[in-house]
Amino acid sequence: MLTLDEELAAALRESDRVAESLLVMEDHPGHRLLRGAALTGASARRWEAADAGMVRLWEWFDAYRALLRQASDARDPAKLARLLRGPAVVLTEASARTLTGPVARQVTLRALVARMKAEYALVTAVLTEAHEAWTRRWAVLDPLVGQVAGIDSPAARALRAEVAQAHARAVADPLTPDPAVADLVARVASVSALHRTFPARVAALSRQVAEVGSLRARAARVRVEAVAEIAGDHPPVPGDDVAGALDGLRRRFPDVAEPDLAAVEAAVGAALARARNVVAHLAGSLDRRAELRGRLDAYRAKAAGRGFAEDAELLGLHRRARDVLSAAPCDLNAGTVAVLRYQRAVLARTEAR
């Protein structure tokens, strides 16, 4: 067990550490932020309690130091023991009042230190939470300012105002989460990305629009031939005004939203697909006739090579197929049937040997 003098020396050393901790608390970044802000909501309520706790800590520390001064001056061991070990510290309980004033309670030095430690933990927890919350919020909000800086559009101006409002909310109530920030971050990122990538996306659209124009011109030429040469219905040449939609985007920029650009990209992509399909359909009809003609010639050569050049039935089947494929317009279904009949007749003769 420590002697009284050893206890006093230990208490004096501890008081120095307490003083150092209280000074650290005063200089805590969370304290600097909270005490200078016009707080609202949960942050205002919690800061009010923490601020009162800080006041109590300093009051208790004054009482603590005063008692230690008395103990240092004491020459009577009994008095020193009473100061160090007995309920010699008088604390005023502001929350407990009688008709004549606040209730005063006497506690031991050890109990006072325990109270101070508990109060210090509560206060610094609020200060630390506020500082960390501010730091996290700043890390999210500060980059947003740069992302919309220099963009002169109604959307960007509205976002800058929203970012400023989010900053103000963070300053006024850092301890309350702001659910609007996540959506704000997403919208700022969308506007920033749109304006950053707009030139490249428009250049890609220009190339696609040029391809649509080229395909339409080709479709128009092929369609004239297909209508004249192939019987049946032929798809019209697409007439989507995607070039006009792209020009409209260019004129409106930077007052362009992501859905506007995405809609034009979708329209140009659809027009390109339609133009390709029409060209493929029209050219496919002509290619099909050419393929049937080629197959007819190939089987005629096969028949002749096997000695059936003068076969009357084959000559008749060949003539009918040739006439269908030479007609303008050509009935591809009838031509397919005629070539197939000739092909089967040739194979029946050539493979029977």
Protein backbone atom coordinates (compact mmCIF):
# COMPACT_ATOMS: atom_id res chain seq x y z
CA MET A 1 0.00 0.00 0.00
CA LEU A 2 1.28 3.48 -0.90
CA THR A 3 2.24 5.93 1.79
CA LEU A 4 0.37 9.25 1.99
CA ASP A 5 3.30 11.08 0.41
CA GLU A 6 3.43 8.53 -2.44
CA GLU A 7 -0.32 8.87 -2.96
CA LEU A 8 0.00 12.66 -3.13
CA ALA A 9 2.86 12.45 -5.62
CA ALA A 10 0.85 10.03 -7.78
CA ALA A 11 -2.20 12.31 -7.62
CA LEU A 12 -0.11 15.31 -8.67
CA ARG A 13 1.33 13.40 -11.61
CA GLU A 14 -2.17 12.27 -12.61
CA SER A 15 -3.45 15.85 -12.39
CA ASP A 16 -0.80 16.89 -14.89
CA ARG A 17 -1.99 14.20 -17.28
CA VAL A 18 -5.60 15.28 -16.79
CA ALA A 19 -4.66 18.90 -17.52
CA GLU A 20 -2.90 17.80 -20.70
CA SER A 21 -5.94 15.76 -21.79
CA LEU A 22 -8.30 18.67 -21.16
CA LEU A 23 -6.13 20.93 -23.30
CA VAL A 24 -6.15 18.31 -26.06
CA MET A 25 -9.94 18.22 -25.75
CA GLU A 26 -10.14 22.00 -26.13
CA ASP A 27 -7.99 21.85 -29.25
CA HIS A 28 -9.80 18.85 -30.72
CA PRO A 29 -10.73 19.53 -34.39
CA GLY A 30 -14.26 18.39 -33.64
CA HIS A 31 -14.48 21.04 -30.90
CA ARG A 32 -13.25 23.75 -33.22
CA LEU A 33 -15.87 22.75 -35.81
CA LEU A 34 -18.79 22.46 -33.42
CA ARG A 35 -18.23 25.58 -31.35
CA GLY A 36 -18.04 27.80 -34.44
CA ALA A 37 -21.09 26.46 -36.27
CA ALA A 38 -24.75 27.41 -36.18
CA LEU A 39 -25.86 23.88 -35.38
CA THR A 40 -29.28 22.38 -35.90
CA GLY A 41 -31.04 19.08 -35.24
CA ALA A 42 -29.31 16.22 -33.46
CA SER A 43 -25.93 17.93 -33.73
CA ALA A 44 -27.22 20.97 -31.81
CA ARG A 45 -28.66 18.78 -29.07
CA ARG A 46 -25.60 16.60 -28.72
CA TRP A 47 -23.21 19.56 -28.84
CA GLU A 48 -25.23 21.30 -26.11
CA ALA A 49 -24.75 18.26 -23.89
CA ALA A 50 -21.07 17.91 -24.80
CA ASP A 51 -20.42 21.61 -24.22
CA ALA A 52 -22.02 21.36 -20.79
CA GLY A 53 -19.82 18.32 -20.14
CA MET A 54 -16.72 20.33 -21.05
CA VAL A 55 -17.73 23.06 -18.62
CA ARG A 56 -18.22 20.46 -15.89
CA LEU A 57 -14.83 18.92 -16.62
CA TRP A 58 -13.06 22.23 -16.12
CA GLU A 59 -15.06 22.96 -12.97
CA TRP A 60 -14.25 19.53 -11.59
CA PHE A 61 -10.61 19.97 -12.57
CA ASP A 62 -10.50 23.25 -10.63
CA ALA A 63 -11.91 21.44 -7.62
CA TYR A 64 -9.39 18.66 -8.18
CA ARG A 65 -6.43 21.04 -8.29
CA ALA A 66 -7.71 23.02 -5.31
CA LEU A 67 -7.87 19.87 -3.22
CA LEU A 68 -4.37 18.84 -4.30
CA ARG A 69 -3.07 22.26 -3.29
CA GLN A 70 -4.61 21.79 0.13
CA ALA A 71 -3.09 18.35 0.35
CA SER A 72 0.32 19.67 -0.65
CA ASP A 73 0.12 22.30 2.12
CA ALA A 74 -1.13 19.87 4.77
CA ARG A 75 1.32 19.02 7.52
CA ASP A 76 -1.02 16.88 9.58
CA PRO A 77 -1.08 13.24 8.35
CA ALA A 78 -4.68 12.87 9.47
CA LYS A 79 -5.73 15.88 7.41
CA LEU A 80 -3.71 14.65 4.44
CA ALA A 81 -5.38 11.23 4.68
CA ARG A 82 -8.81 12.86 4.87
CA LEU A 83 -8.07 14.97 1.77
CA LEU A 84 -6.62 12.14 -0.29
CA ARG A 85 -8.92 9.30 0.80
CA GLY A 86 -12.06 10.83 2.23
CA PRO A 87 -15.05 12.61 0.61
CA ALA A 88 -13.26 15.94 0.65
CA VAL A 89 -14.30 17.24 -2.81
CA VAL A 90 -17.52 19.26 -2.87
CA LEU A 91 -19.39 19.11 -6.20
CA THR A 92 -22.45 21.12 -7.05
CA GLU A 93 -25.11 19.07 -8.86
CA ALA A 94 -26.87 21.50 -11.16
CA SER A 95 -29.42 18.84 -12.09
CA ALA A 96 -30.42 18.33 -8.47
CA ARG A 97 -31.84 21.43 -6.73
CA THR A 98 -33.61 22.19 -3.52
CA LEU A 99 -35.58 25.28 -2.63
CA THR A 100 -32.40 26.99 -1.51
CA GLY A 101 -30.26 26.05 -4.50
CA PRO A 102 -28.32 23.24 -6.16
CA VAL A 103 -27.45 20.18 -4.13
CA ALA A 104 -23.81 19.87 -3.12
CA ARG A 105 -22.31 16.41 -2.94
CA GLN A 106 -19.04 15.37 -1.38
CA VAL A 107 -16.97 12.75 -3.18
CA THR A 108 -13.51 11.28 -2.81
CA LEU A 109 -10.61 12.25 -5.00
CA ARG A 110 -10.72 8.83 -6.64
CA ALA A 111 -14.46 9.13 -7.32
CA LEU A 112 -13.92 12.58 -8.83
CA VAL A 113 -11.26 11.24 -11.19
CA ALA A 114 -13.59 8.40 -12.21
CA ARG A 115 -16.35 10.93 -12.94
CA MET A 116 -13.98 13.05 -15.00
CA LYS A 117 -12.84 10.04 -17.01
CA ALA A 118 -16.42 9.04 -17.79
CA GLU A 119 -17.42 12.60 -18.71
CA TYR A 120 -14.27 13.03 -20.81
CA ALA A 121 -15.09 9.85 -22.74
CA LEU A 122 -18.62 11.09 -23.49
CA VAL A 123 -17.44 14.52 -24.62
CA THR A 124 -14.57 13.34 -26.79
CA ALA A 125 -16.80 10.69 -28.36
CA VAL A 126 -19.07 13.47 -29.65
CA LEU A 127 -16.12 15.57 -30.80
CA THR A 128 -14.52 12.64 -32.60
CA GLU A 129 -17.78 11.55 -34.20
CA ALA A 130 -18.43 15.09 -35.43
CA HIS A 131 -14.94 15.43 -36.87
CA GLU A 132 -15.07 12.05 -38.59
CA ALA A 133 -18.56 12.77 -39.94
CA TRP A 134 -17.40 16.11 -41.30
CA THR A 135 -14.31 14.54 -42.81
CA ARG A 136 -16.34 11.85 -44.56
CA ARG A 137 -18.91 14.37 -45.80
CA TRP A 138 -16.20 16.73 -47.05
CA ALA A 139 -14.47 13.89 -48.88
CA VAL A 140 -17.71 13.29 -50.78
CA LEU A 141 -18.89 16.87 -51.31
CA ASP A 142 -15.67 18.73 -52.08
CA PRO A 143 -14.93 16.86 -55.35
CA LEU A 144 -18.45 17.60 -56.57
CA VAL A 145 -17.65 21.30 -56.79
CA GLY A 146 -14.84 20.66 -59.25
CA GLN A 147 -16.88 18.19 -61.28
CA VAL A 148 -19.54 20.77 -62.18
CA ALA A 149 -17.24 23.78 -62.29
CA GLY A 150 -17.05 25.40 -65.72
CA ILE A 151 -20.20 23.70 -67.02
CA ASP A 152 -22.64 26.42 -68.04
CA SER A 153 -25.98 24.67 -68.20
CA PRO A 154 -29.17 24.85 -66.16
CA ALA A 155 -28.54 21.33 -64.83
CA ALA A 156 -25.00 22.19 -63.72
CA ARG A 157 -26.12 25.45 -62.11
CA ALA A 158 -28.86 23.61 -60.21
CA LEU A 159 -26.35 20.99 -59.08
CA ARG A 160 -23.92 23.64 -57.86
CA ALA A 161 -26.71 25.09 -55.75
CA GLU A 162 -27.55 21.63 -54.38
CA VAL A 163 -23.90 20.98 -53.52
CA ALA A 164 -23.78 24.29 -51.62
CA GLN A 165 -26.94 23.33 -49.74
CA ALA A 166 -25.45 19.93 -48.90
CA HIS A 167 -22.33 21.69 -47.57
CA ALA A 168 -24.51 23.90 -45.41
CA ARG A 169 -26.41 20.90 -44.05
CA ALA A 170 -23.11 19.16 -43.29
CA VAL A 171 -21.88 22.19 -41.34
CA ALA A 172 -25.14 22.66 -39.46
CA ASP A 173 -25.83 19.02 -38.62
CA PRO A 174 -22.83 16.78 -39.24
CA LEU A 175 -24.03 14.11 -36.82
CA THR A 176 -27.18 13.41 -38.84
CA PRO A 177 -26.68 11.37 -42.04
CA ASP A 178 -27.80 13.14 -45.21
CA PRO A 179 -29.60 10.62 -47.44
CA ALA A 180 -29.77 13.12 -50.30
CA VAL A 181 -25.99 13.10 -50.80
CA ALA A 182 -25.81 9.71 -52.53
CA ASP A 183 -28.32 10.76 -55.18
CA LEU A 184 -26.56 14.12 -55.57
CA VAL A 185 -23.22 12.37 -56.13
CA ALA A 186 -24.78 10.17 -58.81
CA ARG A 187 -26.38 13.11 -60.62
CA VAL A 188 -23.21 15.19 -60.52
CA ALA A 189 -21.22 12.24 -61.86
CA SER A 190 -23.76 11.81 -64.66
CA VAL A 191 -23.63 15.47 -65.71
CA SER A 192 -19.84 15.59 -65.42
CA ALA A 193 -19.40 12.39 -67.43
CA LEU A 194 -21.85 13.61 -70.06
CA HIS A 195 -19.98 16.84 -70.65
CA ARG A 196 -16.59 15.12 -70.53
CA THR A 197 -17.54 12.42 -73.02
CA PHE A 198 -19.92 14.46 -75.19
CA PRO A 199 -17.38 15.24 -77.97
CA ALA A 200 -16.34 11.59 -78.36
CA ARG A 201 -19.92 10.32 -78.26
CA VAL A 202 -21.04 12.89 -80.82
CA ALA A 203 -18.11 11.96 -83.06
CA ALA A 204 -19.19 8.31 -82.86
CA LEU A 205 -22.76 9.33 -83.67
CA SER A 206 -21.53 11.34 -86.66
CA ARG A 207 -19.81 8.26 -88.05
CA GLN A 208 -22.95 6.19 -87.53
CA VAL A 209 -25.18 8.82 -89.12
CA ALA A 210 -22.83 8.91 -92.12
CA GLU A 211 -23.07 5.12 -92.36
CA VAL A 212 -26.87 5.33 -92.19
CA GLY A 213 -26.81 7.80 -95.08
CA SER A 214 -24.51 5.58 -97.11
CA LEU A 215 -26.67 2.52 -96.46
CA ARG A 216 -29.82 4.41 -97.41
CA ALA A 217 -28.29 5.48 -100.70
CA ARG A 218 -27.26 1.90 -101.40
CA ALA A 219 -30.70 0.62 -100.36
CA ALA A 220 -32.36 3.06 -102.74
CA ARG A 221 -30.21 1.85 -105.65
CA VAL A 222 -30.66 -1.84 -104.82
CA ARG A 223 -34.39 -1.40 -104.30
CA VAL A 224 -34.86 -0.03 -107.80
CA GLU A 225 -33.20 -3.16 -109.19
CA ALA A 226 -35.03 -5.50 -106.80
CA VAL A 227 -38.45 -4.06 -107.62
CA ALA A 228 -37.74 -4.43 -111.33
CA GLU A 229 -36.18 -7.89 -111.13
CA ILE A 230 -37.78 -9.72 -108.19
CA ALA A 231 -41.52 -10.23 -107.64
CA GLY A 232 -43.08 -9.59 -104.23
CA ASP A 233 -43.03 -6.97 -101.52
CA HIS A 234 -39.84 -5.08 -100.84
CA PRO A 235 -39.18 -3.01 -97.69
CA PRO A 236 -39.05 0.75 -98.19
CA VAL A 237 -35.85 2.71 -97.69
CA PRO A 238 -35.84 3.99 -94.06
CA GLY A 239 -36.32 7.73 -93.67
CA ASP A 240 -35.44 8.43 -90.02
CA ASP A 241 -34.12 11.98 -89.51
CA VAL A 242 -31.23 10.98 -87.28
CA ALA A 243 -28.99 13.64 -88.77
CA GLY A 244 -31.47 16.30 -87.65
CA ALA A 245 -31.59 14.81 -84.14
CA LEU A 246 -27.80 14.90 -83.93
CA ASP A 247 -27.68 18.50 -85.15
CA GLY A 248 -30.23 19.40 -82.48
CA LEU A 249 -27.96 17.95 -79.79
CA ARG A 250 -25.01 19.97 -81.06
CA ARG A 251 -27.02 23.20 -81.06
CA ARG A 252 -28.33 22.67 -77.53
CA PHE A 253 -25.03 21.69 -75.92
CA PRO A 254 -24.15 22.21 -73.08
CA ASP A 255 -27.84 22.31 -72.17
CA VAL A 256 -28.11 18.57 -72.81
CA ALA A 257 -29.11 15.85 -70.37
CA GLU A 258 -27.92 12.25 -70.42
CA PRO A 259 -31.39 10.94 -71.43
CA ASP A 260 -31.34 13.31 -74.45
CA LEU A 261 -28.01 11.99 -75.70
CA ALA A 262 -28.93 8.40 -74.88
CA ALA A 263 -32.18 8.77 -76.83
CA VAL A 264 -30.33 10.00 -79.93
CA GLU A 265 -27.78 7.21 -79.58
CA ALA A 266 -30.61 4.69 -79.40
CA ALA A 267 -32.37 6.25 -82.38
CA VAL A 268 -29.22 6.30 -84.50
CA GLY A 269 -28.43 2.71 -83.51
CA ALA A 270 -31.95 1.62 -84.46
CA ALA A 271 -31.78 3.52 -87.77
CA LEU A 272 -28.45 1.90 -88.55
CA ALA A 273 -29.85 -1.55 -87.81
CA ARG A 274 -32.92 -0.90 -89.99
CA ALA A 275 -30.81 0.38 -92.86
CA ARG A 276 -28.55 -2.67 -92.68
CA ASN A 277 -31.54 -5.01 -92.55
CA VAL A 278 -33.20 -3.35 -95.56
CA VAL A 279 -30.01 -3.53 -97.62
CA ALA A 280 -29.52 -7.16 -96.59
CA HIS A 281 -33.12 -8.01 -97.52
CA LEU A 282 -33.04 -6.28 -100.89
CA ALA A 283 -29.59 -7.53 -101.84
CA GLY A 284 -30.52 -10.96 -100.53
CA SER A 285 -33.36 -11.26 -103.04
CA LEU A 286 -31.02 -10.52 -105.93
CA ASP A 287 -28.35 -12.80 -104.48
CA ARG A 288 -30.90 -15.60 -104.12
CA ARG A 289 -31.83 -15.36 -107.80
CA ALA A 290 -28.15 -15.41 -108.76
CA GLU A 291 -27.59 -18.45 -106.54
CA LEU A 292 -30.52 -20.29 -108.18
CA ARG A 293 -29.22 -19.45 -111.65
CA GLY A 294 -25.78 -20.69 -110.68
CA ARG A 295 -27.18 -23.94 -109.29
CA LEU A 296 -29.26 -24.47 -112.46
CA ASP A 297 -26.18 -24.03 -114.63
CA ALA A 298 -24.14 -26.36 -112.42
CA TYR A 299 -26.66 -29.20 -112.66
CA ARG A 300 -27.03 -28.67 -116.40
CA ALA A 301 -23.27 -29.13 -116.72
CA LYS A 302 -23.50 -32.22 -114.51
CA ALA A 303 -26.22 -33.70 -116.72
CA ALA A 304 -24.27 -32.98 -119.88
CA GLY A 305 -21.12 -34.50 -118.40
CA ARG A 306 -22.99 -37.72 -117.67
CA GLY A 307 -24.48 -37.95 -121.15
CA PHE A 308 -27.93 -36.51 -120.50
CA ALA A 309 -27.57 -33.33 -122.53
CA GLU A 310 -30.35 -34.38 -124.91
CA ASP A 311 -32.67 -35.91 -122.30
CA ALA A 312 -36.10 -34.53 -123.27
CA GLU A 313 -37.50 -34.44 -119.72
CA LEU A 314 -34.41 -32.71 -118.40
CA LEU A 315 -34.49 -30.20 -121.24
CA GLY A 316 -38.10 -29.37 -120.41
CA LEU A 317 -37.44 -29.00 -116.68
CA HIS A 318 -34.38 -26.86 -117.40
CA ARG A 319 -36.29 -24.62 -119.78
CA ARG A 320 -39.10 -24.03 -117.28
CA ALA A 321 -36.62 -23.19 -114.49
CA ARG A 322 -34.62 -20.91 -116.80
CA ASP A 323 -37.76 -19.10 -117.93
CA VAL A 324 -38.89 -18.46 -114.34
CA LEU A 325 -35.45 -17.17 -113.32
CA SER A 326 -35.16 -15.00 -116.44
CA ALA A 327 -38.55 -13.40 -116.01
CA ALA A 328 -38.72 -9.80 -114.81
CA PRO A 329 -39.91 -9.64 -112.16
CA CYS A 330 -38.76 -13.09 -111.07
CA ASP A 331 -40.89 -15.24 -108.76
CA LEU A 332 -38.24 -16.61 -106.40
CA ASN A 333 -40.57 -19.19 -104.85
CA ALA A 334 -41.49 -20.58 -108.26
CA GLY A 335 -37.85 -20.43 -109.32
CA THR A 336 -36.77 -22.36 -106.22
CA VAL A 337 -39.34 -25.08 -106.92
CA ALA A 338 -38.37 -25.30 -110.61
CA VAL A 339 -34.63 -25.56 -109.86
CA LEU A 340 -35.26 -28.17 -107.18
CA ARG A 341 -37.28 -30.31 -109.62
CA TYR A 342 -34.52 -30.11 -112.21
CA GLN A 343 -31.89 -30.89 -109.58
CA ARG A 344 -33.75 -34.00 -108.38
CA ALA A 345 -34.27 -35.21 -111.94
CA VAL A 346 -30.57 -34.84 -112.71
CA LEU A 347 -29.58 -36.63 -109.51
CA ALA A 348 -32.03 -39.44 -110.19
CA ARG A 349 -30.27 -40.12 -113.49
CA THR A 350 -26.67 -39.51 -112.54
CA GLU A 351 -26.70 -41.35 -109.22
CA ALA A 352 -28.61 -44.36 -110.58
CA ARG A 353 -25.60 -45.41 -112.63
